[in-house]
N, C-alpha and C. Protein backbone atom coordinates (compact mmCIF):
# COMPACT_ATOMS: atom_id res chain seq x y z
N MET A 1 67.56 83.81 122.37
CA MET A 1 68.64 84.25 123.21
C MET A 1 68.33 83.82 124.65
N ASN A 2 69.32 83.24 125.30
CA ASN A 2 69.07 82.76 126.66
C ASN A 2 69.11 83.92 127.67
N LYS A 3 68.59 83.65 128.86
CA LYS A 3 68.45 84.68 129.89
C LYS A 3 69.81 85.26 130.28
N GLU A 4 70.82 84.41 130.37
CA GLU A 4 72.15 84.87 130.76
C GLU A 4 72.68 85.91 129.77
N LYS A 5 72.51 85.65 128.48
CA LYS A 5 72.99 86.57 127.46
C LYS A 5 72.17 87.86 127.47
N ILE A 6 70.87 87.74 127.68
CA ILE A 6 70.01 88.93 127.76
C ILE A 6 70.44 89.80 128.94
N ASP A 7 70.68 89.18 130.09
CA ASP A 7 71.12 89.92 131.27
C ASP A 7 72.46 90.60 131.03
N LEU A 8 73.36 89.89 130.37
CA LEU A 8 74.68 90.43 130.06
C LEU A 8 74.54 91.68 129.18
N ILE A 9 73.73 91.60 128.15
CA ILE A 9 73.53 92.72 127.25
C ILE A 9 72.88 93.90 127.98
N GLU A 10 71.90 93.62 128.81
CA GLU A 10 71.25 94.69 129.57
C GLU A 10 72.25 95.38 130.51
N ASN A 11 73.10 94.60 131.16
CA ASN A 11 74.12 95.19 132.03
C ASN A 11 75.08 96.06 131.24
N LEU A 12 75.52 95.56 130.10
CA LEU A 12 76.45 96.33 129.27
C LEU A 12 75.80 97.62 128.76
N LYS A 13 74.54 97.57 128.42
CA LYS A 13 73.85 98.77 127.95
C LYS A 13 73.83 99.84 129.04
N LYS A 14 73.74 99.42 130.30
CA LYS A 14 73.72 100.36 131.42
C LYS A 14 75.13 100.85 131.78
N GLU A 15 76.11 99.96 131.67
CA GLU A 15 77.46 100.25 132.18
C GLU A 15 78.43 100.79 131.14
N ASP A 16 78.20 100.49 129.87
CA ASP A 16 79.18 100.83 128.84
C ASP A 16 78.54 101.74 127.78
N ARG A 17 78.98 102.99 127.77
CA ARG A 17 78.41 103.96 126.82
C ARG A 17 78.60 103.53 125.37
N GLU A 18 79.80 103.05 125.06
CA GLU A 18 80.07 102.64 123.68
C GLU A 18 79.14 101.51 123.27
N PHE A 19 78.97 100.53 124.14
CA PHE A 19 78.09 99.40 123.83
C PHE A 19 76.66 99.89 123.61
N CYS A 20 76.22 100.78 124.47
CA CYS A 20 74.86 101.32 124.35
C CYS A 20 74.69 102.04 123.01
N GLN A 21 75.66 102.85 122.64
CA GLN A 21 75.61 103.55 121.36
C GLN A 21 75.60 102.57 120.19
N LEU A 22 76.44 101.55 120.28
CA LEU A 22 76.50 100.55 119.22
C LEU A 22 75.16 99.81 119.07
N MET A 23 74.51 99.53 120.20
CA MET A 23 73.21 98.87 120.14
C MET A 23 72.18 99.75 119.44
N LYS A 24 72.18 101.04 119.76
CA LYS A 24 71.24 101.97 119.12
C LYS A 24 71.50 102.02 117.62
N GLU A 25 72.77 102.15 117.24
CA GLU A 25 73.11 102.19 115.82
C GLU A 25 72.71 100.89 115.12
N HIS A 26 72.94 99.76 115.78
CA HIS A 26 72.59 98.46 115.21
C HIS A 26 71.09 98.40 114.91
N GLU A 27 70.28 98.87 115.85
CA GLU A 27 68.83 98.87 115.67
C GLU A 27 68.41 99.81 114.53
N GLU A 28 69.07 100.98 114.46
CA GLU A 28 68.76 101.92 113.38
C GLU A 28 69.13 101.33 112.02
N PHE A 29 70.30 100.70 111.95
CA PHE A 29 70.72 100.08 110.69
C PHE A 29 69.75 98.98 110.29
N GLU A 30 69.30 98.22 111.27
CA GLU A 30 68.34 97.14 111.00
C GLU A 30 67.05 97.70 110.41
N GLU A 31 66.57 98.80 110.97
CA GLU A 31 65.35 99.43 110.46
C GLU A 31 65.54 99.91 109.02
N LYS A 32 66.69 100.55 108.75
CA LYS A 32 66.96 101.03 107.40
C LYS A 32 67.04 99.88 106.40
N LEU A 33 67.70 98.80 106.80
CA LEU A 33 67.81 97.64 105.92
C LEU A 33 66.44 97.02 105.66
N ASN A 34 65.60 96.99 106.68
CA ASN A 34 64.24 96.47 106.50
C ASN A 34 63.47 97.30 105.48
N GLU A 35 63.67 98.62 105.50
CA GLU A 35 63.01 99.49 104.52
C GLU A 35 63.49 99.17 103.11
N PHE A 36 64.80 98.98 102.94
CA PHE A 36 65.32 98.61 101.63
C PHE A 36 64.77 97.26 101.18
N ASN A 37 64.66 96.33 102.11
CA ASN A 37 64.18 94.99 101.76
C ASN A 37 62.71 94.97 101.36
N LYS A 38 61.97 95.98 101.75
CA LYS A 38 60.56 96.07 101.37
C LYS A 38 60.37 96.50 99.92
N LEU A 39 61.41 97.14 99.38
CA LEU A 39 61.32 97.63 98.01
C LEU A 39 61.52 96.49 97.02
N LYS A 40 60.76 96.53 95.91
CA LYS A 40 60.90 95.49 94.88
C LYS A 40 62.23 95.64 94.15
N PHE A 41 62.57 96.88 93.83
CA PHE A 41 63.80 97.15 93.10
C PHE A 41 64.54 98.29 93.78
N LEU A 42 65.86 98.23 93.73
CA LEU A 42 66.68 99.30 94.28
C LEU A 42 67.41 100.03 93.16
N THR A 43 67.48 101.34 93.30
CA THR A 43 68.28 102.11 92.36
C THR A 43 69.75 101.82 92.67
N PRO A 44 70.65 102.14 91.75
CA PRO A 44 72.07 101.93 92.03
C PRO A 44 72.53 102.66 93.31
N ASP A 45 72.02 103.88 93.53
CA ASP A 45 72.38 104.61 94.75
C ASP A 45 71.84 103.92 96.00
N GLN A 46 70.62 103.39 95.91
CA GLN A 46 70.04 102.66 97.04
C GLN A 46 70.84 101.38 97.32
N GLU A 47 71.27 100.72 96.27
CA GLU A 47 72.06 99.50 96.42
C GLU A 47 73.38 99.80 97.13
N ILE A 48 74.01 100.90 96.74
CA ILE A 48 75.27 101.31 97.39
C ILE A 48 75.02 101.64 98.86
N GLU A 49 73.96 102.37 99.13
CA GLU A 49 73.63 102.74 100.52
C GLU A 49 73.33 101.50 101.35
N LYS A 50 72.61 100.56 100.77
CA LYS A 50 72.29 99.31 101.48
C LYS A 50 73.58 98.56 101.84
N LYS A 51 74.50 98.45 100.91
CA LYS A 51 75.77 97.76 101.17
C LYS A 51 76.57 98.49 102.25
N LYS A 52 76.55 99.81 102.19
CA LYS A 52 77.26 100.62 103.20
C LYS A 52 76.70 100.35 104.60
N ILE A 53 75.38 100.35 104.69
CA ILE A 53 74.71 100.10 105.97
C ILE A 53 75.02 98.69 106.47
N GLN A 54 75.00 97.71 105.57
CA GLN A 54 75.32 96.33 105.96
C GLN A 54 76.73 96.24 106.55
N LYS A 55 77.68 96.92 105.92
CA LYS A 55 79.06 96.90 106.40
C LYS A 55 79.19 97.59 107.75
N LEU A 56 78.51 98.73 107.92
CA LEU A 56 78.55 99.44 109.20
C LEU A 56 77.91 98.61 110.31
N LYS A 57 76.81 97.94 109.97
CA LYS A 57 76.12 97.10 110.94
C LYS A 57 77.03 95.95 111.38
N LEU A 58 77.70 95.33 110.42
CA LEU A 58 78.61 94.22 110.74
C LEU A 58 79.80 94.70 111.57
N LYS A 59 80.34 95.85 111.22
CA LYS A 59 81.46 96.42 111.98
C LYS A 59 81.03 96.66 113.43
N GLY A 60 79.84 97.22 113.62
CA GLY A 60 79.32 97.47 114.96
C GLY A 60 79.09 96.18 115.73
N LYS A 61 78.58 95.19 115.03
CA LYS A 61 78.32 93.89 115.67
C LYS A 61 79.63 93.25 116.12
N ASP A 62 80.66 93.37 115.28
CA ASP A 62 81.97 92.83 115.66
C ASP A 62 82.52 93.54 116.89
N ARG A 63 82.35 94.86 116.95
CA ARG A 63 82.84 95.63 118.10
C ARG A 63 82.05 95.25 119.36
N MET A 64 80.74 95.05 119.23
CA MET A 64 79.94 94.64 120.39
C MET A 64 80.41 93.28 120.90
N ALA A 65 80.75 92.37 119.98
CA ALA A 65 81.25 91.05 120.38
C ALA A 65 82.57 91.19 121.14
N GLU A 66 83.43 92.11 120.70
CA GLU A 66 84.69 92.36 121.41
C GLU A 66 84.43 92.85 122.83
N ILE A 67 83.49 93.77 122.96
CA ILE A 67 83.14 94.33 124.27
C ILE A 67 82.59 93.24 125.18
N ILE A 68 81.74 92.38 124.63
CA ILE A 68 81.17 91.28 125.41
C ILE A 68 82.27 90.33 125.89
N ARG A 69 83.19 89.99 124.99
CA ARG A 69 84.30 89.10 125.38
C ARG A 69 85.14 89.73 126.50
N ALA A 70 85.45 91.01 126.36
CA ALA A 70 86.24 91.70 127.38
C ALA A 70 85.51 91.76 128.70
N TYR A 71 84.21 92.00 128.66
CA TYR A 71 83.39 92.07 129.87
C TYR A 71 83.35 90.71 130.57
N LYS A 72 83.16 89.65 129.79
CA LYS A 72 83.13 88.30 130.36
C LYS A 72 84.49 87.96 130.98
N SER A 73 85.56 88.30 130.29
CA SER A 73 86.90 88.03 130.78
C SER A 73 87.15 88.78 132.08
N LYS A 74 86.74 90.01 132.13
CA LYS A 74 86.89 90.83 133.34
C LYS A 74 86.10 90.22 134.51
N LYS A 75 84.88 89.78 134.22
CA LYS A 75 84.03 89.17 135.26
C LYS A 75 84.66 87.86 135.77
N ASN A 76 85.22 87.07 134.86
CA ASN A 76 85.83 85.80 135.26
C ASN A 76 87.10 85.97 136.08
N ASN A 77 87.78 87.10 135.87
CA ASN A 77 89.02 87.35 136.60
C ASN A 77 88.81 88.00 137.96
N GLN A 78 87.56 88.36 138.26
CA GLN A 78 87.29 89.00 139.55
C GLN A 78 87.12 87.97 140.64
C-alpha cells in the first residue's frame, strides 16, 4: 500500500466513525477467518459461520471503498 493510501485511511479512521468501526470489524473478521483456516476440517456449522463472516467482511470492505471514494471526491471539490 502506498503512503498516500495509508495517509488517507489514517485520516478517515480519525475523522469518520463509521469507517473506523468498519476497519475494526474488518480486522476482527480477518482474525476469525484465520482461525478457521488453521483447522484441517470444518464442521458444517463452522463452514456456515465462515461463509457468513466472509460475506460480512466483503460487505464492510465495499462500504469502506464507498466512503473512500466519497472522501476523495469531497477533497477534490474543495
